[in-house]
Amino acid sequence: MKALLNRLINQESISSEEAKNVLVNISNGKYNQSQIASFLTVYMMRSITIDELRGFRDALLELCIPVNLEDYNSIDLCGTGGDGKDTFNISTLSSFVTAGAGVHVTKHGNYGVSSACGSSNVMEHLGIKFTNDIGFLKRSMDEAGICVLHAPLFHPAMKNVAPIRKELGVKTFFNMLGPMVNPAFPKNQMVGVFNLELLRLYGYLYQESEKNYAVVHALDGYDEISLTGKTKVISNNSEALFGPEDLGLNKVEQTEIFGGNTVPQAAELFTKIINGNGTEAHNNVVCANAGLAIATVKQISHMEGFELAKASLLNGKAKASLDKLIELSRS
């Protein structure tokens, strides 16, 4: 590790194979906490290369506990986090809206590290059970249209990193990796990333895959479609700038999509929105994201996906999906 750290500190890059081996060695407990923390810190101070990101991704996918849900043609809606914006749980709400629209979702998530409330925090607060039991996950897909894949249950290799990430409390390259390492290997993916550089890297890596994908970054910093301005979108077939006006919507102010400072606050807002009592800004942001996910799977226009998302949210189908998942969790 010492030689590797010196190379990285000197702004040298490492190969995909070296990156992969580092994560395998971390999972096998070959490095102490100071070495791991230093390794994470280096990547907060220098850019990651496509070869490094590919190697880290391949290691986590190889080390994960896979779950076979390929019959569902599912999508994962997941943001990298790390944008420092503390929005409400847009991708998680969008996941239930997408499920309510009849598109299966394999939602990969974790507790918040660099934000007040991650996907897993709010879902746990609402009473959703985390498990890697395939029977429960399939039942969730069949009856609720969505299952939750809580990352620590599928990535035991990262148990040596989790406490260090929590203590650091800032984004690391694991934020970059989260959306790429869904243990269900979904055929479709909608990802939000925290900067344009990562948008480009994701675009390259997904081009190498057989996924249907949409990668988004709002130019004012959000790792999702925020409707606060323009969003860059890279998909299988195109690279475009998207604006609220493309869906006939008004621009949203940043204060309108703030999510609160605590898990209970975030869960209260989540419940309000999914019950159909959100503001116009809340509803539009959720449906813009869910609409792109729906469009990615169904191969329809974003506008058509947006209309399906609105129907799911405002007609109670998204809420029914959430209620069913909570009910299954209690049984």
C-alpha atoms as a PDB file:
ATOM      1  CA  MET A   1       0.000   0.000   0.000  1.00  0.00           C
ATOM      2  CA  LYS A   2       2.847   2.418   0.816  1.00  0.00           C
ATOM      3  CA  ALA A   3       4.228   2.297  -2.741  1.00  0.00           C
ATOM      4  CA  LEU A   4       0.732   2.722  -4.183  1.00  0.00           C
ATOM      5  CA  LEU A   5      -0.010   5.722  -1.967  1.00  0.00           C
ATOM      6  CA  ASN A   6       3.254   7.401  -2.993  1.00  0.00           C
ATOM      7  CA  ARG A   7       2.351   6.977  -6.658  1.00  0.00           C
ATOM      8  CA  LEU A   8      -1.124   8.408  -6.134  1.00  0.00           C
ATOM      9  CA  ILE A   9       0.212  11.333  -4.086  1.00  0.00           C
ATOM     10  CA  ASN A  10       2.574  12.075  -6.992  1.00  0.00           C
ATOM     11  CA  GLN A  11      -0.470  12.326  -9.280  1.00  0.00           C
ATOM     12  CA  GLU A  12       0.293   9.033 -11.009  1.00  0.00           C
ATOM     13  CA  SER A  13      -2.596   6.770 -11.979  1.00  0.00           C
ATOM     14  CA  ILE A  14      -2.951   3.035 -11.389  1.00  0.00           C
ATOM     15  CA  SER A  15      -4.207   0.349 -13.727  1.00  0.00           C
ATOM     16  CA  SER A  16      -7.623  -1.312 -13.616  1.00  0.00           C
ATOM     17  CA  GLU A  17      -6.007  -4.472 -12.282  1.00  0.00           C
ATOM     18  CA  GLU A  18      -4.168  -2.589  -9.529  1.00  0.00           C
ATOM     19  CA  ALA A  19      -7.359  -0.758  -8.535  1.00  0.00           C
ATOM     20  CA  LYS A  20      -9.228  -4.047  -8.431  1.00  0.00           C
ATOM     21  CA  ASN A  21      -6.538  -5.680  -6.302  1.00  0.00           C
ATOM     22  CA  VAL A  22      -6.569  -2.826  -3.779  1.00  0.00           C
ATOM     23  CA  LEU A  23     -10.276  -3.298  -3.065  1.00  0.00           C
ATOM     24  CA  VAL A  24      -9.868  -7.074  -2.863  1.00  0.00           C
ATOM     25  CA  ASN A  25      -7.040  -6.577  -0.368  1.00  0.00           C
ATOM     26  CA  ILE A  26      -9.135  -4.109   1.647  1.00  0.00           C
ATOM     27  CA  SER A  27     -11.932  -6.674   1.814  1.00  0.00           C
ATOM     28  CA  ASN A  28      -9.453  -9.310   2.991  1.00  0.00           C
ATOM     29  CA  GLY A  29      -8.269  -7.055   5.831  1.00  0.00           C
ATOM     30  CA  LYS A  30      -4.741  -6.637   4.477  1.00  0.00           C
ATOM     31  CA  TYR A  31      -4.504  -2.909   5.281  1.00  0.00           C
ATOM     32  CA  ASN A  32      -4.939  -1.018   8.542  1.00  0.00           C
ATOM     33  CA  GLN A  33      -7.469   1.775   9.043  1.00  0.00           C
ATOM     34  CA  SER A  34      -4.910   4.544   8.581  1.00  0.00           C
ATOM     35  CA  GLN A  35      -3.854   3.131   5.230  1.00  0.00           C
ATOM     36  CA  ILE A  36      -7.467   2.800   4.073  1.00  0.00           C
ATOM     37  CA  ALA A  37      -8.293   6.333   5.229  1.00  0.00           C
ATOM     38  CA  SER A  38      -5.233   7.684   3.405  1.00  0.00           C
ATOM     39  CA  PHE A  39      -6.215   5.816   0.248  1.00  0.00           C
ATOM     40  CA  LEU A  40      -9.737   7.284   0.368  1.00  0.00           C
ATOM     41  CA  THR A  41      -8.368  10.754   1.101  1.00  0.00           C
ATOM     42  CA  VAL A  42      -6.045  10.754  -1.909  1.00  0.00           C
ATOM     43  CA  TYR A  43      -9.055  10.308  -4.173  1.00  0.00           C
ATOM     44  CA  MET A  44     -10.739  13.343  -2.643  1.00  0.00           C
ATOM     45  CA  MET A  45      -7.774  15.406  -3.850  1.00  0.00           C
ATOM     46  CA  ARG A  46      -7.192  14.080  -7.345  1.00  0.00           C
ATOM     47  CA  SER A  47      -9.342  12.975 -10.251  1.00  0.00           C
ATOM     48  CA  ILE A  48     -10.151   9.322 -10.750  1.00  0.00           C
ATOM     49  CA  THR A  49      -9.337   7.786 -14.132  1.00  0.00           C
ATOM     50  CA  ILE A  50     -11.637   5.583 -16.158  1.00  0.00           C
ATOM     51  CA  ASP A  51      -9.287   2.601 -15.675  1.00  0.00           C
ATOM     52  CA  GLU A  52      -9.303   3.098 -11.901  1.00  0.00           C
ATOM     53  CA  LEU A  53     -13.067   3.425 -11.745  1.00  0.00           C
ATOM     54  CA  ARG A  54     -13.476   0.326 -13.913  1.00  0.00           C
ATOM     55  CA  GLY A  55     -11.151  -1.657 -11.638  1.00  0.00           C
ATOM     56  CA  PHE A  56     -12.926  -0.558  -8.440  1.00  0.00           C
ATOM     57  CA  ARG A  57     -16.305  -1.413  -9.995  1.00  0.00           C
ATOM     58  CA  ASP A  58     -15.157  -4.839 -11.189  1.00  0.00           C
ATOM     59  CA  ALA A  59     -13.801  -5.686  -7.748  1.00  0.00           C
ATOM     60  CA  LEU A  60     -17.049  -4.839  -5.959  1.00  0.00           C
ATOM     61  CA  LEU A  61     -19.171  -6.706  -8.495  1.00  0.00           C
ATOM     62  CA  GLU A  62     -16.928  -9.751  -8.188  1.00  0.00           C
ATOM     63  CA  LEU A  63     -17.028  -9.637  -4.386  1.00  0.00           C
ATOM     64  CA  CYS A  64     -20.770  -8.919  -4.005  1.00  0.00           C
ATOM     65  CA  ILE A  65     -23.522 -11.381  -3.106  1.00  0.00           C
ATOM     66  CA  PRO A  66     -25.450 -11.488  -6.407  1.00  0.00           C
ATOM     67  CA  VAL A  67     -29.226 -11.770  -6.553  1.00  0.00           C
ATOM     68  CA  ASN A  68     -30.933 -13.098  -9.676  1.00  0.00           C
ATOM     69  CA  LEU A  69     -33.898 -10.889 -10.585  1.00  0.00           C
ATOM     70  CA  GLU A  70     -33.200 -10.739 -14.323  1.00  0.00           C
ATOM     71  CA  ASP A  71     -36.719 -11.910 -15.286  1.00  0.00           C
ATOM     72  CA  TYR A  72     -38.143  -8.557 -14.159  1.00  0.00           C
ATOM     73  CA  ASN A  73     -36.306  -6.310 -16.659  1.00  0.00           C
ATOM     74  CA  SER A  74     -35.829  -3.870 -13.780  1.00  0.00           C
ATOM     75  CA  ILE A  75     -34.238  -0.457 -13.440  1.00  0.00           C
ATOM     76  CA  ASP A  76     -32.255   1.085 -10.608  1.00  0.00           C
ATOM     77  CA  LEU A  77     -32.678   4.789  -9.872  1.00  0.00           C
ATOM     78  CA  CYS A  78     -29.690   5.861  -7.868  1.00  0.00           C
ATOM     79  CA  GLY A  79     -27.617   8.967  -7.328  1.00  0.00           C
ATOM     80  CA  THR A  80     -23.988   9.071  -6.327  1.00  0.00           C
ATOM     81  CA  GLY A  81     -24.713  11.493  -3.516  1.00  0.00           C
ATOM     82  CA  GLY A  82     -21.903  13.824  -2.629  1.00  0.00           C
ATOM     83  CA  ASP A  83     -23.431  16.892  -4.260  1.00  0.00           C
ATOM     84  CA  GLY A  84     -23.715  18.679  -0.907  1.00  0.00           C
ATOM     85  CA  LYS A  85     -27.225  19.890  -1.698  1.00  0.00           C
ATOM     86  CA  ASP A  86     -29.272  18.045   0.974  1.00  0.00           C
ATOM     87  CA  THR A  87     -32.338  17.682  -1.234  1.00  0.00           C
ATOM     88  CA  PHE A  88     -35.295  15.567  -0.224  1.00  0.00           C
ATOM     89  CA  ASN A  89     -35.016  11.882  -1.228  1.00  0.00           C
ATOM     90  CA  ILE A  90     -35.710  12.416  -4.908  1.00  0.00           C
ATOM     91  CA  SER A  91     -34.361   9.159  -6.330  1.00  0.00           C
ATOM     92  CA  THR A  92     -36.113   7.036  -3.673  1.00  0.00           C
ATOM     93  CA  LEU A  93     -39.459   8.749  -4.243  1.00  0.00           C
ATOM     94  CA  SER A  94     -38.923   8.458  -7.983  1.00  0.00           C
ATOM     95  CA  SER A  95     -38.316   4.731  -7.521  1.00  0.00           C
ATOM     96  CA  PHE A  96     -41.766   4.201  -5.992  1.00  0.00           C
ATOM     97  CA  VAL A  97     -43.361   6.397  -8.655  1.00  0.00           C
ATOM     98  CA  THR A  98     -41.635   4.298 -11.317  1.00  0.00           C
ATOM     99  CA  ALA A  99     -42.841   1.076  -9.677  1.00  0.00           C
ATOM    100  CA  GLY A 100     -46.362   2.512  -9.465  1.00  0.00           C
ATOM    101  CA  ALA A 101     -46.208   3.085 -13.215  1.00  0.00           C
ATOM    102  CA  GLY A 102     -45.651  -0.630 -13.785  1.00  0.00           C
ATOM    103  CA  VAL A 103     -41.876  -0.615 -14.265  1.00  0.00           C
ATOM    104  CA  HIS A 104     -40.025  -2.963 -11.899  1.00  0.00           C
ATOM    105  CA  VAL A 105     -37.348  -1.349  -9.724  1.00  0.00           C
ATOM    106  CA  THR A 106     -34.367  -2.942  -7.985  1.00  0.00           C
ATOM    107  CA  LYS A 107     -33.439  -0.052  -5.689  1.00  0.00           C
ATOM    108  CA  HIS A 108     -29.829  -0.139  -4.525  1.00  0.00           C
ATOM    109  CA  GLY A 109     -29.153   2.191  -1.593  1.00  0.00           C
ATOM    110  CA  ASN A 110     -27.288   2.871   1.604  1.00  0.00           C
ATOM    111  CA  TYR A 111     -27.275   5.072   4.656  1.00  0.00           C
ATOM    112  CA  GLY A 112     -26.264   8.684   4.115  1.00  0.00           C
ATOM    113  CA  VAL A 113     -22.556   9.402   4.524  1.00  0.00           C
ATOM    114  CA  SER A 114     -22.153  12.903   3.114  1.00  0.00           C
ATOM    115  CA  SER A 115     -25.843  13.881   3.400  1.00  0.00           C
ATOM    116  CA  ALA A 116     -28.312  14.191   6.257  1.00  0.00           C
ATOM    117  CA  CYS A 117     -30.495  11.304   5.115  1.00  0.00           C
ATOM    118  CA  GLY A 118     -29.649   8.593   2.592  1.00  0.00           C
ATOM    119  CA  SER A 119     -32.059   6.291   0.831  1.00  0.00           C
ATOM    120  CA  SER A 120     -31.733   3.534   3.440  1.00  0.00           C
ATOM    121  CA  ASN A 121     -32.217   5.979   6.331  1.00  0.00           C
ATOM    122  CA  VAL A 122     -35.634   7.112   5.143  1.00  0.00           C
ATOM    123  CA  MET A 123     -36.824   3.644   4.094  1.00  0.00           C
ATOM    124  CA  GLU A 124     -35.771   2.105   7.394  1.00  0.00           C
ATOM    125  CA  HIS A 125     -37.585   4.911   9.237  1.00  0.00           C
ATOM    126  CA  LEU A 126     -40.743   4.106   7.259  1.00  0.00           C
ATOM    127  CA  GLY A 127     -40.579   0.441   8.296  1.00  0.00           C
ATOM    128  CA  ILE A 128     -39.132  -1.231   5.209  1.00  0.00           C
ATOM    129  CA  LYS A 129     -37.178  -4.402   5.950  1.00  0.00           C
ATOM    130  CA  PHE A 130     -33.659  -4.872   4.616  1.00  0.00           C
ATOM    131  CA  THR A 131     -32.791  -8.422   3.625  1.00  0.00           C
ATOM    132  CA  ASN A 132     -30.885 -10.398   1.021  1.00  0.00           C
ATOM    133  CA  ASP A 133     -33.407 -13.258   1.126  1.00  0.00           C
ATOM    134  CA  ILE A 134     -34.261 -13.963  -2.515  1.00  0.00           C
ATOM    135  CA  GLY A 135     -37.768 -15.186  -1.670  1.00  0.00           C
ATOM    136  CA  PHE A 136     -38.662 -11.897   0.006  1.00  0.00           C
ATOM    137  CA  LEU A 137     -37.087  -9.849  -2.759  1.00  0.00           C
ATOM    138  CA  LYS A 138     -39.048 -11.693  -5.461  1.00  0.00           C
ATOM    139  CA  ARG A 139     -42.256 -11.348  -3.461  1.00  0.00           C
ATOM    140  CA  SER A 140     -41.576  -7.621  -3.182  1.00  0.00           C
ATOM    141  CA  MET A 141     -41.088  -7.374  -6.942  1.00  0.00           C
ATOM    142  CA  ASP A 142     -44.232  -9.386  -7.671  1.00  0.00           C
ATOM    143  CA  GLU A 143     -46.512  -7.545  -5.248  1.00  0.00           C
ATOM    144  CA  ALA A 144     -45.007  -4.062  -4.840  1.00  0.00           C
ATOM    145  CA  GLY A 145     -43.117  -3.743  -8.126  1.00  0.00           C
ATOM    146  CA  ILE A 146     -39.951  -2.805  -6.224  1.00  0.00           C
ATOM    147  CA  CYS A 147     -37.398  -4.360  -3.922  1.00  0.00           C
ATOM    148  CA  VAL A 148     -34.762  -2.675  -1.780  1.00  0.00           C
ATOM    149  CA  LEU A 149     -31.167  -3.848  -1.973  1.00  0.00           C
ATOM    150  CA  HIS A 150     -29.476  -2.358   1.101  1.00  0.00           C
ATOM    151  CA  ALA A 151     -25.836  -2.197   0.032  1.00  0.00           C
ATOM    152  CA  PRO A 152     -24.124  -3.551   3.205  1.00  0.00           C
ATOM    153  CA  LEU A 153     -26.108  -6.810   2.946  1.00  0.00           C
ATOM    154  CA  PHE A 154     -24.768  -7.449  -0.548  1.00  0.00           C
ATOM    155  CA  HIS A 155     -21.265  -6.003  -0.248  1.00  0.00           C
ATOM    156  CA  PRO A 156     -19.745  -7.642   2.852  1.00  0.00           C
ATOM    157  CA  ALA A 157     -16.314  -6.861   1.415  1.00  0.00           C
ATOM    158  CA  MET A 158     -16.863  -3.222   2.384  1.00  0.00           C
ATOM    159  CA  LYS A 159     -17.280  -3.848   6.103  1.00  0.00           C
ATOM    160  CA  ASN A 160     -13.705  -2.605   6.665  1.00  0.00           C
ATOM    161  CA  VAL A 161     -14.452   0.650   4.860  1.00  0.00           C
ATOM    162  CA  ALA A 162     -17.903   1.558   6.232  1.00  0.00           C
ATOM    163  CA  PRO A 163     -16.788   2.891   9.659  1.00  0.00           C
ATOM    164  CA  ILE A 164     -13.984   4.920   8.066  1.00  0.00           C
ATOM    165  CA  ARG A 165     -16.382   6.483   5.539  1.00  0.00           C
ATOM    166  CA  LYS A 166     -18.749   7.339   8.368  1.00  0.00           C
ATOM    167  CA  GLU A 167     -16.001   8.958  10.428  1.00  0.00           C
ATOM    168  CA  LEU A 168     -14.706  10.950   7.435  1.00  0.00           C
ATOM    169  CA  GLY A 169     -18.250  12.135   6.686  1.00  0.00           C
ATOM    170  CA  VAL A 170     -17.421  13.409   3.197  1.00  0.00           C
ATOM    171  CA  LYS A 171     -17.821  11.972  -0.263  1.00  0.00           C
ATOM    172  CA  THR A 172     -15.250   9.398  -1.377  1.00  0.00           C
ATOM    173  CA  PHE A 173     -14.871   7.381  -4.554  1.00  0.00           C
ATOM    174  CA  PHE A 174     -17.361   4.920  -3.060  1.00  0.00           C
ATOM    175  CA  ASN A 175     -20.001   7.551  -3.824  1.00  0.00           C
ATOM    176  CA  MET A 176     -18.952   7.206  -7.454  1.00  0.00           C
ATOM    177  CA  LEU A 177     -19.204   3.422  -7.290  1.00  0.00           C
ATOM    178  CA  GLY A 178     -22.558   2.930  -5.549  1.00  0.00           C
ATOM    179  CA  PRO A 179     -24.832   3.121  -8.603  1.00  0.00           C
ATOM    180  CA  MET A 180     -22.519   0.855 -10.616  1.00  0.00           C
ATOM    181  CA  VAL A 181     -22.499  -2.109  -8.260  1.00  0.00           C
ATOM    182  CA  ASN A 182     -26.162  -3.115  -7.921  1.00  0.00           C
ATOM    183  CA  PRO A 183     -26.040  -6.831  -6.995  1.00  0.00           C
ATOM    184  CA  ALA A 184     -29.106  -7.547  -9.148  1.00  0.00           C
ATOM    185  CA  PHE A 185     -27.208  -6.431 -12.272  1.00  0.00           C
ATOM    186  CA  PRO A 186     -30.311  -4.634 -13.633  1.00  0.00           C
ATOM    187  CA  LYS A 187     -30.684  -4.298 -17.386  1.00  0.00           C
ATOM    188  CA  ASN A 188     -31.654  -0.636 -17.063  1.00  0.00           C
ATOM    189  CA  GLN A 189     -30.109   2.179 -15.060  1.00  0.00           C
ATOM    190  CA  MET A 190     -30.794   5.824 -14.337  1.00  0.00           C
ATOM    191  CA  VAL A 191     -27.908   7.450 -12.515  1.00  0.00           C
ATOM    192  CA  GLY A 192     -27.350  10.938 -11.169  1.00  0.00           C
ATOM    193  CA  VAL A 193     -23.737  12.030 -10.673  1.00  0.00           C
ATOM    194  CA  PHE A 194     -22.204  14.963  -8.796  1.00  0.00           C
ATOM    195  CA  ASN A 195     -20.014  16.509 -11.507  1.00  0.00           C
ATOM    196  CA  LEU A 196     -19.474  16.651 -15.263  1.00  0.00           C
ATOM    197  CA  GLU A 197     -16.214  14.718 -15.118  1.00  0.00           C
ATOM    198  CA  LEU A 198     -17.978  11.746 -13.526  1.00  0.00           C
ATOM    199  CA  LEU A 199     -20.815  12.087 -16.039  1.00  0.00           C
ATOM    200  CA  ARG A 200     -18.264  11.569 -18.801  1.00  0.00           C
ATOM    201  CA  LEU A 201     -16.675   8.563 -17.067  1.00  0.00           C
ATOM    202  CA  TYR A 202     -20.055   6.933 -16.473  1.00  0.00           C
ATOM    203  CA  GLY A 203     -20.968   7.530 -20.094  1.00  0.00           C
ATOM    204  CA  TYR A 204     -17.822   5.721 -21.269  1.00  0.00           C
ATOM    205  CA  LEU A 205     -18.286   2.778 -18.893  1.00  0.00           C
ATOM    206  CA  TYR A 206     -21.962   2.308 -19.696  1.00  0.00           C
ATOM    207  CA  GLN A 207     -21.181   2.390 -23.411  1.00  0.00           C
ATOM    208  CA  GLU A 208     -19.181  -0.791 -22.777  1.00  0.00           C
ATOM    209  CA  SER A 209     -22.209  -2.488 -21.206  1.00  0.00           C
ATOM    210  CA  GLU A 210     -25.449  -3.853 -22.609  1.00  0.00           C
ATOM    211  CA  LYS A 211     -27.613  -1.708 -20.332  1.00  0.00           C
ATOM    212  CA  ASN A 212     -30.256   0.813 -21.262  1.00  0.00           C
ATOM    213  CA  TYR A 213     -29.062   3.850 -19.363  1.00  0.00           C
ATOM    214  CA  ALA A 214     -29.517   7.527 -18.662  1.00  0.00           C
ATOM    215  CA  VAL A 215     -26.829   9.405 -16.732  1.00  0.00           C
ATOM    216  CA  VAL A 216     -27.691  12.903 -15.508  1.00  0.00           C
ATOM    217  CA  HIS A 217     -25.985  15.872 -13.883  1.00  0.00           C
ATOM    218  CA  ALA A 218     -27.600  19.245 -13.231  1.00  0.00           C
ATOM    219  CA  LEU A 219     -25.160  21.953 -14.286  1.00  0.00           C
ATOM    220  CA  ASP A 220     -25.625  23.795 -10.992  1.00  0.00           C
ATOM    221  CA  GLY A 221     -24.334  20.758  -9.109  1.00  0.00           C
ATOM    222  CA  TYR A 222     -27.182  18.355  -8.377  1.00  0.00           C
ATOM    223  CA  ASP A 223     -26.812  14.588  -8.862  1.00  0.00           C
ATOM    224  CA  GLU A 224     -30.345  14.390 -10.308  1.00  0.00           C
ATOM    225  CA  ILE A 225     -32.737  16.339 -12.500  1.00  0.00           C
ATOM    226  CA  SER A 226     -33.346  19.251 -10.147  1.00  0.00           C
ATOM    227  CA  LEU A 227     -35.324  21.527 -12.509  1.00  0.00           C
ATOM    228  CA  THR A 228     -33.292  24.404 -11.046  1.00  0.00           C
ATOM    229  CA  GLY A 229     -31.664  24.883 -14.455  1.00  0.00           C
ATOM    230  CA  LYS A 230     -30.163  22.840 -17.261  1.00  0.00           C
ATOM    231  CA  THR A 231     -29.272  19.158 -16.864  1.00  0.00           C
ATOM    232  CA  LYS A 232     -26.799  17.239 -19.011  1.00  0.00           C
ATOM    233  CA  VAL A 233     -28.181  13.820 -19.972  1.00  0.00           C
ATOM    234  CA  ILE A 234     -26.169  11.011 -21.567  1.00  0.00           C
ATOM    235  CA  SER A 235     -28.077   7.934 -22.773  1.00  0.00           C
ATOM    236  CA  ASN A 236     -27.545   5.044 -25.180  1.00  0.00           C
ATOM    237  CA  ASN A 237     -28.474   7.122 -28.186  1.00  0.00           C
ATOM    238  CA  SER A 238     -27.794  10.734 -27.324  1.00  0.00           C
ATOM    239  CA  GLU A 239     -26.077  13.416 -25.305  1.00  0.00           C
ATOM    240  CA  ALA A 240     -28.251  16.445 -24.659  1.00  0.00           C
ATOM    241  CA  LEU A 241     -28.981  19.438 -22.464  1.00  0.00           C
ATOM    242  CA  PHE A 242     -32.390  19.172 -20.827  1.00  0.00           C
ATOM    243  CA  GLY A 243     -34.300  22.075 -19.262  1.00  0.00           C
ATOM    244  CA  PRO A 244     -37.593  22.361 -17.338  1.00  0.00           C
ATOM    245  CA  GLU A 245     -39.167  23.971 -20.400  1.00  0.00           C
ATOM    246  CA  ASP A 246     -38.677  20.704 -22.329  1.00  0.00           C
ATOM    247  CA  LEU A 247     -41.425  19.218 -20.164  1.00  0.00           C
ATOM    248  CA  GLY A 248     -43.444  22.426 -20.135  1.00  0.00           C
ATOM    249  CA  LEU A 249     -42.418  23.123 -16.530  1.00  0.00           C
ATOM    250  CA  ASN A 250     -41.327  26.175 -14.613  1.00  0.00           C
ATOM    251  CA  LYS A 251     -37.831  26.480 -13.180  1.00  0.00           C
ATOM    252  CA  VAL A 252     -37.593  25.433  -9.522  1.00  0.00           C
ATOM    253  CA  GLU A 253     -35.769  27.376  -6.804  1.00  0.00           C
ATOM    254  CA  GLN A 254     -33.137  25.513  -4.783  1.00  0.00           C
ATOM    255  CA  THR A 255     -34.955  26.246  -1.522  1.00  0.00           C
ATOM    256  CA  GLU A 256     -38.034  24.410  -2.850  1.00  0.00           C
ATOM    257  CA  ILE A 257     -36.301  21.036  -2.941  1.00  0.00           C
ATOM    258  CA  PHE A 258     -34.431  21.129   0.368  1.00  0.00           C
ATOM    259  CA  GLY A 259     -34.959  17.924   2.335  1.00  0.00           C
ATOM    260  CA  GLY A 260     -34.480  18.807   6.001  1.00  0.00           C
ATOM    261  CA  ASN A 261     -31.653  18.224   8.457  1.00  0.00           C
ATOM    262  CA  THR A 262     -32.773  14.999  10.145  1.00  0.00           C
ATOM    263  CA  VAL A 263     -34.109  11.566   9.195  1.00  0.00           C
ATOM    264  CA  PRO A 264     -37.554  12.200  10.787  1.00  0.00           C
ATOM    265  CA  GLN A 265     -37.869  15.478   8.844  1.00  0.00           C
ATOM    266  CA  ALA A 266     -36.879  13.739   5.615  1.00  0.00           C
ATOM    267  CA  ALA A 267     -39.317  10.870   6.249  1.00  0.00           C
ATOM    268  CA  GLU A 268     -42.141  13.292   7.027  1.00  0.00           C
ATOM    269  CA  LEU A 269     -41.564  15.145   3.759  1.00  0.00           C
ATOM    270  CA  PHE A 270     -41.225  11.848   1.869  1.00  0.00           C
ATOM    271  CA  THR A 271     -44.609  10.707   3.231  1.00  0.00           C
ATOM    272  CA  LYS A 272     -46.243  14.036   2.413  1.00  0.00           C
ATOM    273  CA  ILE A 273     -45.080  13.902  -1.210  1.00  0.00           C
ATOM    274  CA  ILE A 274     -45.939  10.254  -1.854  1.00  0.00           C
ATOM    275  CA  ASN A 275     -49.407  10.869  -0.377  1.00  0.00           C
ATOM    276  CA  GLY A 276     -49.946  13.409  -3.156  1.00  0.00           C
ATOM    277  CA  ASN A 277     -49.618  16.419  -0.867  1.00  0.00           C
ATOM    278  CA  GLY A 278     -46.291  17.710  -2.134  1.00  0.00           C
ATOM    279  CA  THR A 279     -45.819  21.122  -3.692  1.00  0.00           C
ATOM    280  CA  GLU A 280     -45.806  21.599  -7.438  1.00  0.00           C
ATOM    281  CA  ALA A 281     -42.006  21.782  -7.286  1.00  0.00           C
ATOM    282  CA  HIS A 282     -41.777  18.515  -5.320  1.00  0.00           C
ATOM    283  CA  ASN A 283     -44.103  16.683  -7.696  1.00  0.00           C
ATOM    284  CA  ASN A 284     -42.469  17.983 -10.849  1.00  0.00           C
ATOM    285  CA  VAL A 285     -38.928  17.125  -9.748  1.00  0.00           C
ATOM    286  CA  VAL A 286     -39.934  13.600  -8.712  1.00  0.00           C
ATOM    287  CA  CYS A 287     -41.885  12.995 -11.910  1.00  0.00           C
ATOM    288  CA  ALA A 288     -39.137  14.429 -14.119  1.00  0.00           C
ATOM    289  CA  ASN A 289     -36.719  11.868 -12.672  1.00  0.00           C
ATOM    290  CA  ALA A 290     -39.174   8.977 -12.598  1.00  0.00           C
ATOM    291  CA  GLY A 291     -40.316   9.931 -16.092  1.00  0.00           C
ATOM    292  CA  LEU A 292     -36.805   9.564 -17.479  1.00  0.00           C
ATOM    293  CA  ALA A 293     -36.466   6.176 -15.759  1.00  0.00           C
ATOM    294  CA  ILE A 294     -39.773   4.990 -17.203  1.00  0.00           C
ATOM    295  CA  ALA A 295     -38.778   6.305 -20.631  1.00  0.00           C
ATOM    296  CA  THR A 296     -35.434   4.477 -20.427  1.00  0.00           C
ATOM    297  CA  VAL A 297     -37.100   1.104 -19.831  1.00  0.00           C
ATOM    298  CA  LYS A 298     -40.083   1.543 -22.137  1.00  0.00           C
ATOM    299  CA  GLN A 299     -38.043   3.279 -24.863  1.00  0.00           C
ATOM    300  CA  ILE A 300     -40.514   6.171 -25.083  1.00  0.00           C
ATOM    301  CA  SER A 301     -40.029   9.942 -24.917  1.00  0.00           C
ATOM    302  CA  HIS A 302     -39.240  11.724 -21.658  1.00  0.00           C
ATOM    303  CA  MET A 303     -42.532  13.619 -21.959  1.00  0.00           C
ATOM    304  CA  GLU A 304     -44.490  10.350 -22.233  1.00  0.00           C
ATOM    305  CA  GLY A 305     -42.599   8.970 -19.247  1.00  0.00           C
ATOM    306  CA  PHE A 306     -43.302  12.156 -17.280  1.00  0.00           C
ATOM    307  CA  GLU A 307     -47.062  11.817 -17.885  1.00  0.00           C
ATOM    308  CA  LEU A 308     -46.982   8.178 -16.711  1.00  0.00           C
ATOM    309  CA  ALA A 309     -45.042   9.247 -13.616  1.00  0.00           C
ATOM    310  CA  LYS A 310     -47.559  11.995 -12.802  1.00  0.00           C
ATOM    311  CA  ALA A 311     -50.407   9.507 -13.055  1.00  0.00           C
ATOM    312  CA  SER A 312     -48.580   7.108 -10.736  1.00  0.00           C
ATOM    313  CA  LEU A 313     -47.933   9.784  -8.100  1.00  0.00           C
ATOM    314  CA  LEU A 314     -51.222  11.654  -8.210  1.00  0.00           C
ATOM    315  CA  ASN A 315     -53.491   8.620  -8.612  1.00  0.00           C
ATOM    316  CA  GLY A 316     -52.024   6.853  -5.577  1.00  0.00           C
ATOM    317  CA  LYS A 317     -50.213   4.038  -7.394  1.00  0.00           C
ATOM    318  CA  ALA A 318     -46.814   5.062  -6.038  1.00  0.00           C
ATOM    319  CA  LYS A 319     -48.252   5.181  -2.493  1.00  0.00           C
ATOM    320  CA  ALA A 320     -49.806   1.731  -3.006  1.00  0.00           C
ATOM    321  CA  SER A 321     -46.383   0.380  -3.962  1.00  0.00           C
ATOM    322  CA  LEU A 322     -44.835   1.824  -0.800  1.00  0.00           C
ATOM    323  CA  ASP A 323     -47.684   0.581   1.394  1.00  0.00           C
ATOM    324  CA  LYS A 324     -47.372  -2.934  -0.025  1.00  0.00           C
ATOM    325  CA  LEU A 325     -43.624  -3.021   0.612  1.00  0.00           C
ATOM    326  CA  ILE A 326     -44.145  -1.866   4.214  1.00  0.00           C
ATOM    327  CA  GLU A 327     -46.875  -4.510   4.651  1.00  0.00           C
ATOM    328  CA  LEU A 328     -44.599  -7.243   3.303  1.00  0.00           C
ATOM    329  CA  SER A 329     -41.847  -6.059   5.642  1.00  0.00           C
ATOM    330  CA  ARG A 330     -44.130  -6.555   8.650  1.00  0.00           C
ATOM    331  CA  SER A 331     -45.366 -10.019   7.679  1.00  0.00           C
END
